[in-house]
Amino acid sequence: IVWYLMFLTLLFLCYSAAQVSLTQPVSESVKPGETVRISCTLSGYSISDRYVFWYQQKSGNRPRYLLYFRYDSDKHQGDGVPDRFSGSKDSPNNVGYLTIRGALLEDDADYYCAIWHPPSNTLHSGVLL
């Protein structure tokens, strides 16, 4: 299976006039049954208190919400999303992750992230280039 991931870049001028960007690898490859971890790196702000949302988009379909992860105590799995999909963060390196355990052929899709910081009500999301 080849995981074609959207290359994400989004620049925002936030209230502090700082530049914010999200980046993901262009693609990941995994064999059926293996585990893959997809990264989403935030630049311009700390990821530690922010929500990291993950979406899946299969060819010809609209994006499907998978999950969000903020902390181990603050996370949510979308309706019907198997628990083999999980979120995590590496706060010191400013990276959010989507992990897919036991990959299936049906998981072949585009995956993208969005990051939300509630106090500022600012949503940083990726766009397909």
C-alpha atoms as a PDB file:
ATOM      1  CA  ILE A   1       0.000   0.000   0.000  1.00  0.00           C
ATOM      2  CA  VAL A   2       1.291   3.440  -0.784  1.00  0.00           C
ATOM      3  CA  TRP A   3      -0.032   6.169   1.431  1.00  0.00           C
ATOM      4  CA  TYR A   4      -0.349   9.305  -0.624  1.00  0.00           C
ATOM      5  CA  LEU A   5      -0.438  12.085   1.874  1.00  0.00           C
ATOM      6  CA  MET A   6      -1.214  15.633   1.138  1.00  0.00           C
ATOM      7  CA  PHE A   7       1.723  17.923   1.503  1.00  0.00           C
ATOM      8  CA  LEU A   8       0.376  20.436   3.944  1.00  0.00           C
ATOM      9  CA  THR A   9       1.379  24.039   4.055  1.00  0.00           C
ATOM     10  CA  LEU A  10      -0.727  26.792   5.464  1.00  0.00           C
ATOM     11  CA  LEU A  11       0.434  30.237   6.464  1.00  0.00           C
ATOM     12  CA  PHE A  12      -1.672  32.324   8.809  1.00  0.00           C
ATOM     13  CA  LEU A  13      -1.195  35.837  10.056  1.00  0.00           C
ATOM     14  CA  CYS A  14      -2.464  35.379  13.596  1.00  0.00           C
ATOM     15  CA  TYR A  15      -3.268  37.979  16.179  1.00  0.00           C
ATOM     16  CA  SER A  16       0.433  38.152  17.038  1.00  0.00           C
ATOM     17  CA  ALA A  17       1.372  38.499  13.351  1.00  0.00           C
ATOM     18  CA  ALA A  18       3.452  35.314  13.588  1.00  0.00           C
ATOM     19  CA  GLN A  19       3.701  32.870  10.713  1.00  0.00           C
ATOM     20  CA  VAL A  20       2.218  29.447  11.369  1.00  0.00           C
ATOM     21  CA  SER A  21       2.640  26.418   9.146  1.00  0.00           C
ATOM     22  CA  LEU A  22       1.762  22.735   9.175  1.00  0.00           C
ATOM     23  CA  THR A  23       3.804  20.217   7.218  1.00  0.00           C
ATOM     24  CA  GLN A  24       3.437  16.524   6.505  1.00  0.00           C
ATOM     25  CA  PRO A  25       5.527  14.081   4.500  1.00  0.00           C
ATOM     26  CA  VAL A  26       4.420  13.687   0.896  1.00  0.00           C
ATOM     27  CA  SER A  27       3.912   9.922   1.241  1.00  0.00           C
ATOM     28  CA  GLU A  28       4.371   6.902   3.478  1.00  0.00           C
ATOM     29  CA  SER A  29       4.536   3.248   2.454  1.00  0.00           C
ATOM     30  CA  VAL A  30       3.347   0.302   4.527  1.00  0.00           C
ATOM     31  CA  LYS A  31       2.471  -3.332   3.878  1.00  0.00           C
ATOM     32  CA  PRO A  32      -0.874  -4.798   4.988  1.00  0.00           C
ATOM     33  CA  GLY A  33      -0.764  -5.708   8.658  1.00  0.00           C
ATOM     34  CA  GLU A  34       2.049  -3.289   9.473  1.00  0.00           C
ATOM     35  CA  THR A  35       1.898  -0.099  11.521  1.00  0.00           C
ATOM     36  CA  VAL A  36       2.399   3.354  10.035  1.00  0.00           C
ATOM     37  CA  ARG A  37       2.823   6.668  11.853  1.00  0.00           C
ATOM     38  CA  ILE A  38       1.999   9.844   9.948  1.00  0.00           C
ATOM     39  CA  SER A  39       3.432  13.115  11.218  1.00  0.00           C
ATOM     40  CA  CYS A  40       2.100  16.669  11.303  1.00  0.00           C
ATOM     41  CA  THR A  41       4.664  19.292  12.316  1.00  0.00           C
ATOM     42  CA  LEU A  42       3.587  22.701  13.607  1.00  0.00           C
ATOM     43  CA  SER A  43       5.893  25.692  13.158  1.00  0.00           C
ATOM     44  CA  GLY A  44       5.341  29.084  14.712  1.00  0.00           C
ATOM     45  CA  TYR A  45       3.625  27.970  17.923  1.00  0.00           C
ATOM     46  CA  SER A  46       3.922  25.225  20.514  1.00  0.00           C
ATOM     47  CA  ILE A  47       1.763  22.170  19.833  1.00  0.00           C
ATOM     48  CA  SER A  48       1.577  21.191  23.513  1.00  0.00           C
ATOM     49  CA  ASP A  49      -1.864  22.645  24.412  1.00  0.00           C
ATOM     50  CA  ARG A  50      -3.376  22.453  20.955  1.00  0.00           C
ATOM     51  CA  TYR A  51      -5.883  19.972  19.548  1.00  0.00           C
ATOM     52  CA  VAL A  52      -4.613  17.900  16.614  1.00  0.00           C
ATOM     53  CA  PHE A  53      -7.433  16.743  14.321  1.00  0.00           C
ATOM     54  CA  TRP A  54      -6.978  14.015  11.699  1.00  0.00           C
ATOM     55  CA  TYR A  55      -9.036  13.411   8.570  1.00  0.00           C
ATOM     56  CA  GLN A  56      -9.065  10.695   5.913  1.00  0.00           C
ATOM     57  CA  GLN A  57     -10.028  11.321   2.299  1.00  0.00           C
ATOM     58  CA  LYS A  58     -10.473   8.503  -0.181  1.00  0.00           C
ATOM     59  CA  SER A  59     -10.471   9.193  -3.898  1.00  0.00           C
ATOM     60  CA  GLY A  60     -13.723  10.791  -5.040  1.00  0.00           C
ATOM     61  CA  ASN A  61     -15.063  11.241  -1.496  1.00  0.00           C
ATOM     62  CA  ARG A  62     -15.203  14.133   0.923  1.00  0.00           C
ATOM     63  CA  PRO A  63     -12.922  14.118   3.977  1.00  0.00           C
ATOM     64  CA  ARG A  64     -13.944  11.959   6.930  1.00  0.00           C
ATOM     65  CA  TYR A  65     -13.189  13.046  10.491  1.00  0.00           C
ATOM     66  CA  LEU A  66     -11.104  10.368  12.230  1.00  0.00           C
ATOM     67  CA  LEU A  67     -10.124  11.739  15.621  1.00  0.00           C
ATOM     68  CA  TYR A  68      -8.622  14.500  17.655  1.00  0.00           C
ATOM     69  CA  PHE A  69      -5.887  14.305  20.254  1.00  0.00           C
ATOM     70  CA  ARG A  70      -4.909  16.937  22.791  1.00  0.00           C
ATOM     71  CA  TYR A  71      -3.763  14.894  25.793  1.00  0.00           C
ATOM     72  CA  ASP A  72      -4.203  11.268  26.849  1.00  0.00           C
ATOM     73  CA  SER A  73      -7.072  12.577  28.985  1.00  0.00           C
ATOM     74  CA  ASP A  74      -8.557  14.718  26.187  1.00  0.00           C
ATOM     75  CA  LYS A  75      -9.074  12.842  22.939  1.00  0.00           C
ATOM     76  CA  HIS A  76     -11.978  11.740  20.763  1.00  0.00           C
ATOM     77  CA  GLN A  77     -12.536   8.971  18.236  1.00  0.00           C
ATOM     78  CA  GLY A  78     -14.942   9.684  15.374  1.00  0.00           C
ATOM     79  CA  ASP A  79     -18.078   7.599  14.919  1.00  0.00           C
ATOM     80  CA  GLY A  80     -17.245   4.216  13.419  1.00  0.00           C
ATOM     81  CA  VAL A  81     -13.482   4.841  13.416  1.00  0.00           C
ATOM     82  CA  PRO A  82     -11.662   1.655  14.498  1.00  0.00           C
ATOM     83  CA  ASP A  83      -9.411   1.875  17.551  1.00  0.00           C
ATOM     84  CA  ARG A  84      -6.447   0.843  15.398  1.00  0.00           C
ATOM     85  CA  PHE A  85      -6.412   4.564  14.449  1.00  0.00           C
ATOM     86  CA  SER A  86      -4.913   6.622  17.274  1.00  0.00           C
ATOM     87  CA  GLY A  87      -3.455  10.053  17.888  1.00  0.00           C
ATOM     88  CA  SER A  88      -0.442  11.185  19.875  1.00  0.00           C
ATOM     89  CA  LYS A  89       1.946  14.117  20.205  1.00  0.00           C
ATOM     90  CA  ASP A  90       5.654  14.702  20.667  1.00  0.00           C
ATOM     91  CA  SER A  91       5.411  18.141  22.259  1.00  0.00           C
ATOM     92  CA  PRO A  92       9.168  18.836  22.594  1.00  0.00           C
ATOM     93  CA  ASN A  93       9.530  18.358  18.822  1.00  0.00           C
ATOM     94  CA  ASN A  94       6.202  20.073  17.996  1.00  0.00           C
ATOM     95  CA  VAL A  95       4.813  17.048  16.138  1.00  0.00           C
ATOM     96  CA  GLY A  96       1.381  15.406  16.144  1.00  0.00           C
ATOM     97  CA  TYR A  97       0.982  11.830  14.955  1.00  0.00           C
ATOM     98  CA  LEU A  98      -1.690   9.603  13.494  1.00  0.00           C
ATOM     99  CA  THR A  99      -0.858   5.933  14.032  1.00  0.00           C
ATOM    100  CA  ILE A 100      -2.591   3.192  12.054  1.00  0.00           C
ATOM    101  CA  ARG A 101      -1.977  -0.272  13.472  1.00  0.00           C
ATOM    102  CA  GLY A 102      -2.607  -3.360  11.351  1.00  0.00           C
ATOM    103  CA  ALA A 103      -2.992  -1.434   8.097  1.00  0.00           C
ATOM    104  CA  LEU A 104      -5.616  -2.703   5.669  1.00  0.00           C
ATOM    105  CA  LEU A 105      -5.940  -2.176   1.926  1.00  0.00           C
ATOM    106  CA  GLU A 106      -9.029  -0.077   2.636  1.00  0.00           C
ATOM    107  CA  ASP A 107      -6.849   2.415   4.541  1.00  0.00           C
ATOM    108  CA  ASP A 108      -5.243   3.602   1.293  1.00  0.00           C
ATOM    109  CA  ALA A 109      -6.196   7.294   1.302  1.00  0.00           C
ATOM    110  CA  ASP A 110      -5.018  10.858   1.816  1.00  0.00           C
ATOM    111  CA  TYR A 111      -4.622  11.849   5.468  1.00  0.00           C
ATOM    112  CA  TYR A 112      -4.394  15.390   6.701  1.00  0.00           C
ATOM    113  CA  CYS A 113      -4.305  17.260   9.952  1.00  0.00           C
ATOM    114  CA  ALA A 114      -5.699  20.449  11.428  1.00  0.00           C
ATOM    115  CA  ILE A 115      -4.588  22.115  14.650  1.00  0.00           C
ATOM    116  CA  TRP A 116      -6.892  24.169  16.866  1.00  0.00           C
ATOM    117  CA  HIS A 117      -6.062  26.360  19.837  1.00  0.00           C
ATOM    118  CA  PRO A 118      -9.309  27.133  21.678  1.00  0.00           C
ATOM    119  CA  PRO A 119      -8.365  30.337  23.544  1.00  0.00           C
ATOM    120  CA  SER A 120      -7.564  32.097  20.280  1.00  0.00           C
ATOM    121  CA  ASN A 121     -10.312  30.309  18.312  1.00  0.00           C
ATOM    122  CA  THR A 122      -7.767  29.929  15.519  1.00  0.00           C
ATOM    123  CA  LEU A 123      -7.868  26.822  13.343  1.00  0.00           C
ATOM    124  CA  HIS A 124      -4.702  25.997  11.429  1.00  0.00           C
ATOM    125  CA  SER A 125      -5.434  23.476   8.727  1.00  0.00           C
ATOM    126  CA  GLY A 126      -3.701  21.932   5.796  1.00  0.00           C
ATOM    127  CA  VAL A 127      -4.546  22.468   2.163  1.00  0.00           C
ATOM    128  CA  LEU A 128      -3.905  20.263  -0.844  1.00  0.00           C
ATOM    129  CA  LEU A 129      -1.354  21.857  -3.127  1.00  0.00           C
END
